[in-house]
């Protein structure tokens, strides 16, 4: 029992760091577009995609991550995000906004910017 308590106490400082990493990846002023949530399979992996917007502004922020928490291939994630957002929010040609991109420290989550 003592070992479990010590382990729990040692792990506690890690919890806020993980929460902060998530908060830094997704901005507070972004609004999630719930109806755009998707889980896609590609190459034997399941990817989770969500889109975020800033109200009354144009770009979409596409949050891409694997369900198993493994690192992403940036090129695959970009292609998948473009295919994902085109029918959901674009009435004009899709434009990639790399200046809006973000990633977490281990490469398991990306936020990719698009405008259309």
Foldseek 3Di string as FASTA:
>chain_A
DVVVVVVVVVCVVVVVVVVVLVCVQDDPQWDKPVVLWDWDDDPNWIKTWTWTDRPPDFKIKIKIATPVQAADDVVVVVVVVCVSCCVPPDPDDKDWDQVPKDAGDRRRMIITMIGD
